[in-house]
C-alpha atoms as a PDB file:
ATOM      1  CA  MET A   1      15.729   0.990   6.133  1.00  0.00           C
ATOM      2  CA  ASN A   2      17.686   3.480   4.337  1.00  0.00           C
ATOM      3  CA  LEU A   3      15.837   6.836   3.649  1.00  0.00           C
ATOM      4  CA  LYS A   4      18.911   8.862   2.185  1.00  0.00           C
ATOM      5  CA  LYS A   5      17.742  11.067  -0.527  1.00  0.00           C
ATOM      6  CA  ILE A   6      19.261  10.362  -3.973  1.00  0.00           C
ATOM      7  CA  LYS A   7      20.631  13.289  -5.850  1.00  0.00           C
ATOM      8  CA  PHE A   8      19.073  14.045  -9.397  1.00  0.00           C
ATOM      9  CA  CYS A   9      18.413  17.087 -11.488  1.00  0.00           C
ATOM     10  CA  SER A  10      14.755  16.524 -10.883  1.00  0.00           C
ATOM     11  CA  ASN A  11      15.163  17.301  -7.325  1.00  0.00           C
ATOM     12  CA  CYS A  12      17.756  20.220  -7.572  1.00  0.00           C
ATOM     13  CA  SER A  13      16.769  23.823  -6.656  1.00  0.00           C
ATOM     14  CA  LYS A  14      18.606  25.099  -9.739  1.00  0.00           C
ATOM     15  CA  GLY A  15      16.582  23.456 -12.386  1.00  0.00           C
ATOM     16  CA  LYS A  16      13.035  23.603 -14.071  1.00  0.00           C
ATOM     17  CA  ARG A  17      11.247  20.902 -15.755  1.00  0.00           C
ATOM     18  CA  ILE A  18      10.705  21.527 -19.369  1.00  0.00           C
ATOM     19  CA  PRO A  19       7.017  20.572 -20.113  1.00  0.00           C
ATOM     20  CA  ILE A  20       7.521  19.297 -23.542  1.00  0.00           C
ATOM     21  CA  ASN A  21       9.912  16.192 -22.824  1.00  0.00           C
ATOM     22  CA  ASN A  22      10.371  16.408 -19.091  1.00  0.00           C
ATOM     23  CA  ASP A  23      14.068  17.401 -19.346  1.00  0.00           C
ATOM     24  CA  ILE A  24      15.481  19.911 -17.044  1.00  0.00           C
ATOM     25  CA  LEU A  25      16.685  23.090 -17.934  1.00  0.00           C
ATOM     26  CA  CYS A  26      19.562  23.778 -15.199  1.00  0.00           C
ATOM     27  CA  LYS A  27      21.250  27.042 -14.402  1.00  0.00           C
ATOM     28  CA  GLU A  28      24.506  25.628 -14.421  1.00  0.00           C
ATOM     29  CA  LYS A  29      24.790  23.049 -17.320  1.00  0.00           C
ATOM     30  CA  GLY A  30      21.821  23.983 -19.627  1.00  0.00           C
ATOM     31  CA  VAL A  31      19.347  21.294 -20.789  1.00  0.00           C
ATOM     32  CA  VAL A  32      19.972  17.757 -19.121  1.00  0.00           C
ATOM     33  CA  SER A  33      18.125  14.613 -18.562  1.00  0.00           C
ATOM     34  CA  SER A  34      15.903  14.503 -15.314  1.00  0.00           C
ATOM     35  CA  ASN A  35      18.078  11.783 -13.743  1.00  0.00           C
ATOM     36  CA  TYR A  36      21.511  13.450 -14.457  1.00  0.00           C
ATOM     37  CA  VAL A  37      23.325  14.968 -11.585  1.00  0.00           C
ATOM     38  CA  CYS A  38      26.406  17.432 -11.267  1.00  0.00           C
ATOM     39  CA  ALA A  39      28.527  18.641  -8.650  1.00  0.00           C
ATOM     40  CA  HIS A  40      26.282  21.877  -8.164  1.00  0.00           C
ATOM     41  CA  HIS A  41      23.454  20.011  -6.737  1.00  0.00           C
ATOM     42  CA  GLU A  42      21.305  21.593  -4.208  1.00  0.00           C
ATOM     43  CA  PHE A  43      18.289  19.723  -2.849  1.00  0.00           C
ATOM     44  CA  SER A  44      15.164  21.846  -3.477  1.00  0.00           C
ATOM     45  CA  ALA A  45      13.199  22.997  -0.046  1.00  0.00           C
ATOM     46  CA  SER A  46       9.658  23.384  -1.702  1.00  0.00           C
ATOM     47  CA  SER A  47       7.431  20.487  -2.174  1.00  0.00           C
ATOM     48  CA  ASP A  48       7.452  20.916  -6.341  1.00  0.00           C
ATOM     49  CA  PRO A  49      11.259  21.072  -6.534  1.00  0.00           C
ATOM     50  CA  LEU A  50      11.380  22.723 -10.085  1.00  0.00           C
ATOM     51  CA  LYS A  51       8.574  25.304  -9.685  1.00  0.00           C
ATOM     52  CA  ASP A  52      10.469  28.290  -8.279  1.00  0.00           C
ATOM     53  CA  ALA A  53      13.577  28.096 -10.174  1.00  0.00           C
ATOM     54  CA  ARG A  54      13.845  30.288 -13.247  1.00  0.00           C
ATOM     55  CA  CYS A  55      16.544  30.654 -15.687  1.00  0.00           C
ATOM     56  CA  ARG A  56      16.466  34.396 -17.188  1.00  0.00           C
ATOM     57  CA  CYS A  57      17.839  35.846 -20.707  1.00  0.00           C
ATOM     58  CA  ILE A  58      20.440  37.922 -18.673  1.00  0.00           C
ATOM     59  CA  GLU A  59      22.111  34.913 -17.344  1.00  0.00           C
ATOM     60  CA  CYS A  60      22.707  33.243 -20.684  1.00  0.00           C
ATOM     61  CA  GLU A  61      25.919  33.251 -22.767  1.00  0.00           C
ATOM     62  CA  ASN A  62      23.718  34.116 -25.863  1.00  0.00           C
ATOM     63  CA  PHE A  63      22.288  37.192 -24.471  1.00  0.00           C
ATOM     64  CA  ILE A  64      24.231  40.559 -25.521  1.00  0.00           C
ATOM     65  CA  ILE A  65      23.834  43.711 -23.369  1.00  0.00           C
ATOM     66  CA  GLU A  66      23.490  46.736 -25.239  1.00  0.00           C
ATOM     67  CA  ASP A  67      25.887  49.444 -23.788  1.00  0.00           C
ATOM     68  CA  ASP A  68      23.696  52.707 -24.967  1.00  0.00           C
ATOM     69  CA  ASN A  69      23.920  54.284 -21.675  1.00  0.00           C
ATOM     70  CA  TYR A  70      27.727  55.093 -21.905  1.00  0.00           C
ATOM     71  CA  GLY A  71      28.988  52.841 -19.323  1.00  0.00           C
ATOM     72  CA  ILE A  72      25.933  52.517 -17.209  1.00  0.00           C
ATOM     73  CA  SER A  73      25.248  48.727 -16.406  1.00  0.00           C
ATOM     74  CA  SER A  74      21.974  47.827 -18.226  1.00  0.00           C
ATOM     75  CA  THR A  75      19.916  44.918 -18.523  1.00  0.00           C
ATOM     76  CA  ILE A  76      18.490  45.586 -22.072  1.00  0.00           C
ATOM     77  CA  GLY A  77      19.886  43.789 -25.021  1.00  0.00           C
ATOM     78  CA  LEU A  78      19.288  40.955 -27.497  1.00  0.00           C
ATOM     79  CA  CYS A  79      19.806  37.298 -27.970  1.00  0.00           C
ATOM     80  CA  GLN A  80      22.446  36.379 -30.763  1.00  0.00           C
ATOM     81  CA  LEU A  81      20.312  33.360 -31.636  1.00  0.00           C
ATOM     82  CA  PHE A  82      16.754  34.550 -31.904  1.00  0.00           C
ATOM     83  CA  THR A  83      16.051  38.118 -31.926  1.00  0.00           C
ATOM     84  CA  TYR A  84      16.750  41.633 -33.567  1.00  0.00           C
ATOM     85  CA  ARG A  85      14.697  43.370 -30.997  1.00  0.00           C
ATOM     86  CA  LYS A  86      16.186  44.835 -27.683  1.00  0.00           C
ATOM     87  CA  TYR A  87      14.413  43.431 -24.489  1.00  0.00           C
ATOM     88  CA  ASP A  88      14.962  43.556 -20.946  1.00  0.00           C
ATOM     89  CA  GLY A  89      16.813  40.264 -20.018  1.00  0.00           C
ATOM     90  CA  THR A  90      15.591  40.073 -16.496  1.00  0.00           C
ATOM     91  CA  LEU A  91      11.861  39.759 -17.593  1.00  0.00           C
ATOM     92  CA  LYS A  92      11.971  36.999 -20.068  1.00  0.00           C
ATOM     93  CA  ASN A  93      12.358  33.433 -19.097  1.00  0.00           C
ATOM     94  CA  ALA A  94      15.450  31.359 -20.891  1.00  0.00           C
ATOM     95  CA  CYS A  95      14.736  29.069 -23.873  1.00  0.00           C
ATOM     96  CA  SER A  96      16.096  25.436 -24.164  1.00  0.00           C
ATOM     97  CA  LYS A  97      19.204  26.909 -25.972  1.00  0.00           C
ATOM     98  CA  PHE A  98      20.233  28.365 -22.502  1.00  0.00           C
ATOM     99  CA  ALA A  99      23.865  28.379 -21.720  1.00  0.00           C
ATOM    100  CA  LYS A 100      25.140  29.780 -18.367  1.00  0.00           C
ATOM    101  CA  LYS A 101      27.574  32.866 -18.774  1.00  0.00           C
ATOM    102  CA  ARG A 102      31.101  31.970 -17.953  1.00  0.00           C
ATOM    103  CA  ALA A 103      33.167  34.110 -15.737  1.00  0.00           C
ATOM    104  CA  LEU A 104      35.860  36.098 -17.213  1.00  0.00           C
ATOM    105  CA  GLU A 105      39.373  35.532 -16.303  1.00  0.00           C
ATOM    106  CA  VAL A 106      41.758  38.528 -16.299  1.00  0.00           C
ATOM    107  CA  SER A 107      45.508  37.769 -16.201  1.00  0.00           C
END
């Protein structure tokens, strides 16, 4: 009998189930199907694999950090897609348009 775990985004620690359509909001890939899998997969240790993973606005490519403090790093900004008001990106959960920030390459 083979008891090998099969990798899916539904049992990955980097994703959270979207209750509307049961798709997965992934920190790496954005919104994906629950049976999708990528190279960044990590099995979840909890009994409910998608309970603890939360994507925040600050991790999204569409969140623009406002630099009002003269170079001091801040978490206050706004979403370029949805808001005109500034808010703390570490406190708000990401929406379905979540796209992970890309690392900047300096050459």
